Amino acid sequence: MMVYVIFLAIVFALLALDLGVFHKANKEVSMKESLAWTAVWVTISLLFGGAIYWIYDVNFMGINTLGTEPAKAMIDYFTGYVIEESLSLDNIFVMAMIFGFFKVELKYQHNILFWGIIGAVFFRLIMILLGTAFVNSFEWTIYIFGVILLFSAYKMIKQGEEDEDFRDSAGVKFLSRIYPIDWDAQNGKYFIKKDGKWFATSLMATLVVVEFSDILFAVDSIPAIFSITTDSFIVFTSNIFAILGLRNLYFFLANMLDKFEYMKYSLVFVLMFVGIKMLIMHWVHIPPMVSLVVILGALVLGILYSIFHKDKEPV
C-alpha cells in the first residue's frame, strides 16, 4: 500500500505546483496555454510508462504480486491510459454543457476543474480497489462489466442533444440539503456568508455536478481498463494520469468539439470492443498490444473522418 501513498504524494505535489504556482490567480486559460499544459501532462504520463517498467522489473515494494512481465505491465499502462483518455472526450462535452448551464466565467473554470480532479482521485481509488477485489474474488464480475460497457455504447448512440436541467441533478439536490444555494453569487468563492448564514454559491453547485458526472463516467472507463488488466496499481495510475491532463485538454477542445462530431462513433466502437473483449476473454485472448493498436486506430479514424467530412460539406 505504501507504493500508492508515494504515487499519490507525487500527484498532489504536481497539482499543488500547478495551482499554487502556475495558476494561482483566477484567469481565463488561452488555447495556446492549454495546449502547452496538455503537452506537459501527456509527457509526464508517457515518462511514467518507463517508471512502470522499472517498478515491475525490480518488484518495487512488492507491487508485482501477479508476476507481470515489465514490458507487459508498461503496455497495459499505456493501453489503459489511451482508453481512459479517449472515453474522457465524452466527459469534455458534458463539462462544457455544465459550465454553460451555470454560466461560469472562463476565469473560474480552471479552479473548478482542479478541485474536481482532487475529488476524482479519491473516488476512483476507492472504485478501482473495490472493482479489483470483486474481479479477483468473483470471476463472473468481468461479464457484468462487459455488459455495462455494451449498454454504455448503446446509450451513447441513443443520447440526444436536448438540454439538461442540472439544477435538478442529484448532486445539487444533495448540496441544497446541507447549504442553501445563492445562484447569483459569481465572485470566485464556493461559500459566502450573508446575515450570519452560510450559503453555497453557483460555483460550488457546478463543482458538485462536475464531481458527480465524473463518478458516472468512471462507471464506464474503469471497467474498460479491467478488460486489459486486473492489476489495481496499473489501472489506478493509468486512470489518474489520464484525468490529470483532462482539465487542460478541456480548454483546448471545448471550442472545437463541433469539428470532431464523428468522434462519438469512435468512442462507441471503443466501448463495444472492450465490452466484447471482456465477454469472450476466457475463450479468446486478445493481446494488449493488439487492443492498443485497435483503440488508437479507431480514434485516429474518427478524427480523420470528422476533418475530411467537414472539408467536403457544402459552404
Protein backbone atom coordinates (compact mmCIF):
# COMPACT_ATOMS: atom_id res chain seq x y z
CA MET A 1 0.00 0.00 0.00
CA MET A 2 2.98 2.30 0.53
CA VAL A 3 3.56 2.50 -3.22
CA TYR A 4 0.09 4.07 -3.56
CA VAL A 5 0.99 6.62 -0.89
CA ILE A 6 4.17 7.53 -2.79
CA PHE A 7 2.28 7.82 -6.08
CA LEU A 8 -0.44 9.99 -4.53
CA ALA A 9 2.21 12.20 -2.90
CA ILE A 10 3.79 12.77 -6.34
CA VAL A 11 0.38 13.51 -7.90
CA PHE A 12 -0.63 16.00 -5.21
CA ALA A 13 2.79 17.67 -5.37
CA LEU A 14 2.32 18.19 -9.12
CA LEU A 15 -1.20 19.51 -8.58
CA ALA A 16 -0.05 21.84 -5.79
CA LEU A 17 2.65 23.19 -8.11
CA ASP A 18 0.06 23.63 -10.85
CA LEU A 19 -2.49 25.54 -8.74
CA GLY A 20 -0.19 27.18 -6.21
CA VAL A 21 2.43 28.49 -8.65
CA PHE A 22 1.33 28.44 -12.29
CA HIS A 23 -2.43 29.02 -11.88
CA LYS A 24 -2.56 30.87 -8.58
CA ALA A 25 -4.79 33.67 -9.86
CA ASN A 26 -8.20 33.15 -11.43
CA LYS A 27 -7.80 33.91 -15.11
CA GLU A 28 -9.02 32.73 -18.47
CA VAL A 29 -6.91 29.90 -19.90
CA SER A 30 -5.96 30.56 -23.51
CA MET A 31 -5.94 27.83 -26.15
CA LYS A 32 -2.15 28.22 -26.52
CA GLU A 33 -1.60 27.83 -22.77
CA SER A 34 -3.95 24.85 -22.54
CA LEU A 35 -2.18 23.11 -25.42
CA ALA A 36 1.21 23.67 -23.74
CA TRP A 37 -0.02 22.27 -20.42
CA THR A 38 -1.68 19.33 -22.16
CA ALA A 39 1.71 18.53 -23.72
CA VAL A 40 3.32 18.73 -20.27
CA TRP A 41 0.86 16.29 -18.70
CA VAL A 42 1.00 13.89 -21.65
CA THR A 43 4.82 13.91 -21.46
CA ILE A 44 4.76 13.17 -17.72
CA SER A 45 2.25 10.37 -18.33
CA LEU A 46 4.41 8.81 -21.05
CA LEU A 47 7.52 9.04 -18.89
CA PHE A 48 5.67 7.26 -16.11
CA GLY A 49 5.28 4.33 -18.51
CA GLY A 50 9.05 3.91 -18.22
CA ALA A 51 8.71 4.09 -14.44
CA ILE A 52 6.10 1.31 -14.61
CA TYR A 53 8.61 -0.87 -16.47
CA TRP A 54 11.22 -0.30 -13.74
CA ILE A 55 8.73 -0.74 -10.87
CA TYR A 56 7.62 -4.13 -12.19
CA ASP A 57 11.12 -5.17 -13.21
CA VAL A 58 12.55 -4.72 -9.69
CA ASN A 59 9.21 -5.53 -7.99
CA PHE A 60 9.34 -2.22 -6.12
CA MET A 61 7.88 -2.65 -2.63
CA GLY A 62 6.44 -5.99 -3.69
CA ILE A 63 3.90 -4.36 -6.02
CA ASN A 64 4.20 -7.04 -8.72
CA THR A 65 2.09 -9.63 -6.92
CA LEU A 66 0.85 -11.14 -10.21
CA GLY A 67 4.37 -11.68 -11.57
CA THR A 68 3.65 -9.49 -14.61
CA GLU A 69 6.43 -9.08 -17.16
CA PRO A 70 7.76 -5.48 -17.11
CA ALA A 71 7.12 -4.97 -20.84
CA LYS A 72 3.54 -6.24 -20.50
CA ALA A 73 2.95 -4.00 -17.46
CA MET A 74 4.12 -0.99 -19.46
CA ILE A 75 1.89 -1.86 -22.45
CA ASP A 76 -1.07 -2.42 -20.12
CA TYR A 77 -0.45 1.00 -18.57
CA PHE A 78 -0.32 2.75 -21.96
CA THR A 79 -3.43 0.91 -23.18
CA GLY A 80 -5.34 1.83 -20.03
CA TYR A 81 -4.18 5.42 -20.40
CA VAL A 82 -5.41 5.62 -24.01
CA ILE A 83 -8.77 4.03 -23.11
CA GLU A 84 -9.36 6.47 -20.24
CA GLU A 85 -8.21 9.50 -22.26
CA SER A 86 -10.44 8.56 -25.19
CA LEU A 87 -13.52 7.95 -23.06
CA SER A 88 -12.83 11.24 -21.27
CA LEU A 89 -13.54 13.05 -24.52
CA ASP A 90 -17.24 12.47 -23.94
CA ASN A 91 -16.78 13.89 -20.44
CA ILE A 92 -15.49 17.10 -22.03
CA PHE A 93 -18.81 17.51 -23.86
CA VAL A 94 -20.66 17.21 -20.55
CA MET A 95 -18.35 19.64 -18.72
CA ALA A 96 -18.89 22.21 -21.46
CA MET A 97 -22.66 21.78 -21.00
CA ILE A 98 -22.35 22.14 -17.20
CA PHE A 99 -20.28 25.34 -17.39
CA GLY A 100 -22.64 26.76 -20.00
CA PHE A 101 -25.73 25.90 -17.97
CA PHE A 102 -24.42 27.55 -14.77
CA LYS A 103 -22.91 30.45 -16.77
CA VAL A 104 -19.50 30.01 -15.13
CA GLU A 105 -17.00 32.62 -16.26
CA LEU A 106 -13.92 31.28 -18.06
CA LYS A 107 -11.56 32.64 -15.40
CA TYR A 108 -13.14 30.38 -12.73
CA GLN A 109 -13.34 27.17 -14.75
CA HIS A 110 -9.75 26.03 -14.22
CA ASN A 111 -10.12 26.24 -10.43
CA ILE A 112 -13.35 24.22 -10.51
CA LEU A 113 -11.75 21.51 -12.64
CA PHE A 114 -8.71 21.44 -10.31
CA TRP A 115 -10.82 20.66 -7.24
CA GLY A 116 -12.91 18.29 -9.32
CA ILE A 117 -9.82 16.24 -10.10
CA ILE A 118 -8.83 16.14 -6.41
CA GLY A 119 -12.17 14.53 -5.65
CA ALA A 120 -11.92 12.25 -8.70
CA VAL A 121 -8.59 10.86 -7.46
CA PHE A 122 -10.13 9.69 -4.19
CA PHE A 123 -13.37 8.39 -5.67
CA ARG A 124 -11.57 6.48 -8.41
CA LEU A 125 -9.09 4.93 -5.97
CA ILE A 126 -11.99 3.55 -3.95
CA MET A 127 -13.84 2.32 -7.05
CA ILE A 128 -10.72 0.69 -8.53
CA LEU A 129 -9.77 -1.10 -5.29
CA LEU A 130 -13.34 -2.37 -4.86
CA GLY A 131 -13.57 -3.35 -8.54
CA THR A 132 -10.25 -5.22 -8.37
CA ALA A 133 -11.34 -7.06 -5.24
CA PHE A 134 -14.60 -8.12 -6.93
CA VAL A 135 -12.90 -9.22 -10.16
CA ASN A 136 -10.25 -11.22 -8.29
CA SER A 137 -12.80 -12.80 -5.94
CA PHE A 138 -15.65 -13.37 -8.38
CA GLU A 139 -14.60 -14.11 -11.97
CA TRP A 140 -18.13 -13.62 -13.25
CA THR A 141 -17.87 -9.91 -12.35
CA ILE A 142 -15.92 -9.37 -15.56
CA TYR A 143 -19.01 -10.34 -17.57
CA ILE A 144 -21.10 -7.76 -15.69
CA PHE A 145 -18.51 -5.10 -16.57
CA GLY A 146 -18.66 -6.21 -20.21
CA VAL A 147 -22.43 -5.83 -20.29
CA ILE A 148 -22.15 -2.39 -18.63
CA LEU A 149 -19.81 -1.23 -21.40
CA LEU A 150 -22.08 -2.52 -24.16
CA PHE A 151 -25.05 -0.79 -22.54
CA SER A 152 -22.97 2.41 -22.29
CA ALA A 153 -22.22 2.17 -26.01
CA TYR A 154 -25.95 1.79 -26.69
CA LYS A 155 -26.77 4.83 -24.55
CA MET A 156 -24.11 6.89 -26.33
CA ILE A 157 -25.68 6.07 -29.70
CA LYS A 158 -29.20 6.88 -28.47
CA GLN A 159 -28.44 10.02 -26.48
CA GLY A 160 -29.96 13.19 -27.89
CA GLU A 161 -28.85 16.78 -27.90
CA GLU A 162 -31.57 18.04 -25.57
CA ASP A 163 -30.52 20.41 -22.79
CA GLU A 164 -30.39 19.02 -19.27
CA ASP A 165 -31.52 20.95 -16.21
CA PHE A 166 -28.52 20.42 -13.93
CA ARG A 167 -30.28 22.20 -11.06
CA ASP A 168 -32.43 19.08 -10.75
CA SER A 169 -29.42 16.77 -10.60
CA ALA A 170 -28.81 14.53 -7.59
CA GLY A 171 -25.64 16.42 -6.69
CA VAL A 172 -27.34 19.82 -6.48
CA LYS A 173 -30.26 18.38 -4.51
CA PHE A 174 -27.78 16.83 -2.05
CA LEU A 175 -25.88 20.11 -1.69
CA SER A 176 -29.06 22.14 -1.17
CA ARG A 177 -30.00 19.93 1.78
CA ILE A 178 -26.78 20.97 3.53
CA TYR A 179 -26.47 24.60 2.42
CA PRO A 180 -28.94 26.94 0.71
CA ILE A 181 -27.58 27.98 -2.69
CA ASP A 182 -27.10 31.60 -3.74
CA TRP A 183 -27.41 31.35 -7.52
CA ASP A 184 -26.47 34.99 -8.09
CA ALA A 185 -23.03 34.90 -6.41
CA GLN A 186 -20.23 34.89 -9.02
CA ASN A 187 -17.22 36.11 -7.03
CA GLY A 188 -14.94 33.09 -7.36
CA LYS A 189 -15.84 31.73 -3.92
CA TYR A 190 -17.53 28.42 -3.18
CA PHE A 191 -19.21 29.60 0.02
CA ILE A 192 -20.32 33.04 1.21
CA LYS A 193 -21.73 34.34 4.48
CA LYS A 194 -24.80 36.60 4.41
CA ASP A 195 -26.59 37.88 7.50
CA GLY A 196 -24.70 35.39 9.65
CA LYS A 197 -25.73 32.43 7.49
CA TRP A 198 -23.54 30.36 5.15
CA PHE A 199 -24.61 29.86 1.53
CA ALA A 200 -23.15 27.70 -1.22
CA THR A 201 -22.58 29.58 -4.48
CA SER A 202 -23.32 28.55 -8.04
CA LEU A 203 -19.62 27.68 -8.37
CA MET A 204 -19.98 25.12 -5.58
CA ALA A 205 -23.07 23.71 -7.27
CA THR A 206 -21.08 23.47 -10.51
CA LEU A 207 -18.23 21.67 -8.74
CA VAL A 208 -20.64 19.15 -7.21
CA VAL A 209 -22.25 18.44 -10.60
CA VAL A 210 -18.81 18.04 -12.23
CA GLU A 211 -17.83 15.61 -9.45
CA PHE A 212 -21.00 13.56 -9.78
CA SER A 213 -20.64 13.43 -13.57
CA ASP A 214 -17.07 12.13 -13.21
CA ILE A 215 -18.31 9.32 -10.96
CA LEU A 216 -20.84 8.34 -13.62
CA PHE A 217 -18.16 8.37 -16.33
CA ALA A 218 -15.87 6.29 -14.11
CA VAL A 219 -18.53 3.56 -14.19
CA ASP A 220 -17.71 3.24 -17.92
CA SER A 221 -13.98 3.88 -18.03
CA ILE A 222 -12.80 1.81 -15.05
CA PRO A 223 -14.46 -1.44 -16.21
CA ALA A 224 -12.98 -0.77 -19.66
CA ILE A 225 -9.46 -0.84 -18.23
CA PHE A 226 -10.24 -4.10 -16.42
CA SER A 227 -10.51 -5.62 -19.89
CA ILE A 228 -6.75 -5.02 -20.17
CA THR A 229 -5.52 -5.89 -16.67
CA THR A 230 -6.80 -6.57 -13.16
CA ASP A 231 -3.65 -5.13 -11.59
CA SER A 232 -5.09 -2.33 -9.43
CA PHE A 233 -1.89 -0.24 -9.48
CA ILE A 234 -1.75 -0.16 -13.29
CA VAL A 235 -5.49 0.53 -13.51
CA PHE A 236 -5.23 3.36 -10.97
CA THR A 237 -2.10 5.07 -12.32
CA SER A 238 -3.22 4.96 -15.96
CA ASN A 239 -6.64 6.26 -14.92
CA ILE A 240 -5.29 9.12 -12.81
CA PHE A 241 -2.69 10.31 -15.32
CA ALA A 242 -5.38 10.40 -17.99
CA ILE A 243 -7.71 12.62 -15.96
CA LEU A 244 -4.83 14.85 -14.79
CA GLY A 245 -4.45 16.12 -18.32
CA LEU A 246 -8.19 16.34 -18.83
CA ARG A 247 -8.52 19.90 -17.44
CA ASN A 248 -6.14 21.45 -19.94
CA LEU A 249 -7.43 19.24 -22.74
CA TYR A 250 -10.89 20.63 -21.96
CA PHE A 251 -9.77 24.24 -22.55
CA PHE A 252 -8.14 23.20 -25.83
CA LEU A 253 -11.09 21.17 -27.15
CA ALA A 254 -14.13 22.91 -25.61
CA ASN A 255 -14.46 25.31 -28.51
CA MET A 256 -13.58 22.71 -31.13
CA LEU A 257 -15.96 19.89 -30.22
CA ASP A 258 -18.19 20.54 -33.21
CA LYS A 259 -15.22 19.90 -35.51
CA PHE A 260 -14.98 16.27 -34.31
CA GLU A 261 -18.63 15.20 -34.46
CA TYR A 262 -17.78 11.67 -35.65
CA MET A 263 -15.52 11.01 -32.65
CA LYS A 264 -18.69 9.86 -30.91
CA TYR A 265 -18.76 6.76 -33.12
CA SER A 266 -15.12 6.05 -32.37
CA LEU A 267 -15.95 6.12 -28.65
CA VAL A 268 -18.92 3.83 -29.24
CA PHE A 269 -16.62 1.41 -31.05
CA VAL A 270 -14.07 1.54 -28.20
CA LEU A 271 -16.79 0.74 -25.63
CA MET A 272 -18.13 -2.11 -27.78
CA PHE A 273 -14.66 -3.50 -28.45
CA VAL A 274 -13.58 -3.64 -24.80
CA GLY A 275 -17.05 -4.84 -23.73
CA ILE A 276 -16.97 -7.77 -26.18
CA LYS A 277 -13.36 -8.46 -25.22
CA MET A 278 -14.42 -8.86 -21.58
CA LEU A 279 -17.27 -11.21 -22.53
CA ILE A 280 -15.05 -13.53 -24.61
CA MET A 281 -11.75 -13.18 -22.73
CA HIS A 282 -11.96 -16.69 -21.23
CA TRP A 283 -12.20 -18.22 -24.71
CA VAL A 284 -10.40 -15.75 -26.98
CA HIS A 285 -7.21 -13.97 -25.88
CA ILE A 286 -6.60 -10.57 -27.46
CA PRO A 287 -3.04 -9.38 -26.69
CA PRO A 288 -2.70 -5.95 -25.03
CA MET A 289 -0.69 -4.61 -27.97
CA VAL A 290 -3.49 -5.56 -30.37
CA SER A 291 -6.00 -3.79 -28.12
CA LEU A 292 -3.82 -0.68 -28.04
CA VAL A 293 -3.49 -0.61 -31.85
CA VAL A 294 -7.24 -1.18 -32.40
CA ILE A 295 -8.25 1.57 -29.94
CA LEU A 296 -5.74 4.08 -31.30
CA GLY A 297 -6.80 3.19 -34.85
CA ALA A 298 -10.47 3.81 -34.04
CA LEU A 299 -9.68 7.22 -32.53
CA VAL A 300 -7.49 8.27 -35.46
CA LEU A 301 -10.16 7.20 -37.96
CA GLY A 302 -12.79 9.20 -36.05
CA ILE A 303 -10.61 12.32 -36.12
CA LEU A 304 -9.66 11.97 -39.79
CA TYR A 305 -13.21 11.27 -40.93
CA SER A 306 -14.52 14.26 -38.94
CA ILE A 307 -11.95 16.54 -40.59
CA PHE A 308 -12.47 15.04 -44.06
CA HIS A 309 -16.27 15.24 -43.79
CA LYS A 310 -16.09 18.89 -42.69
CA ASP A 311 -13.96 19.70 -45.71
CA LYS A 312 -16.50 18.05 -48.02
CA GLU A 313 -19.54 19.81 -46.57
CA PRO A 314 -21.04 22.49 -48.86
CA VAL A 315 -20.42 26.06 -47.74
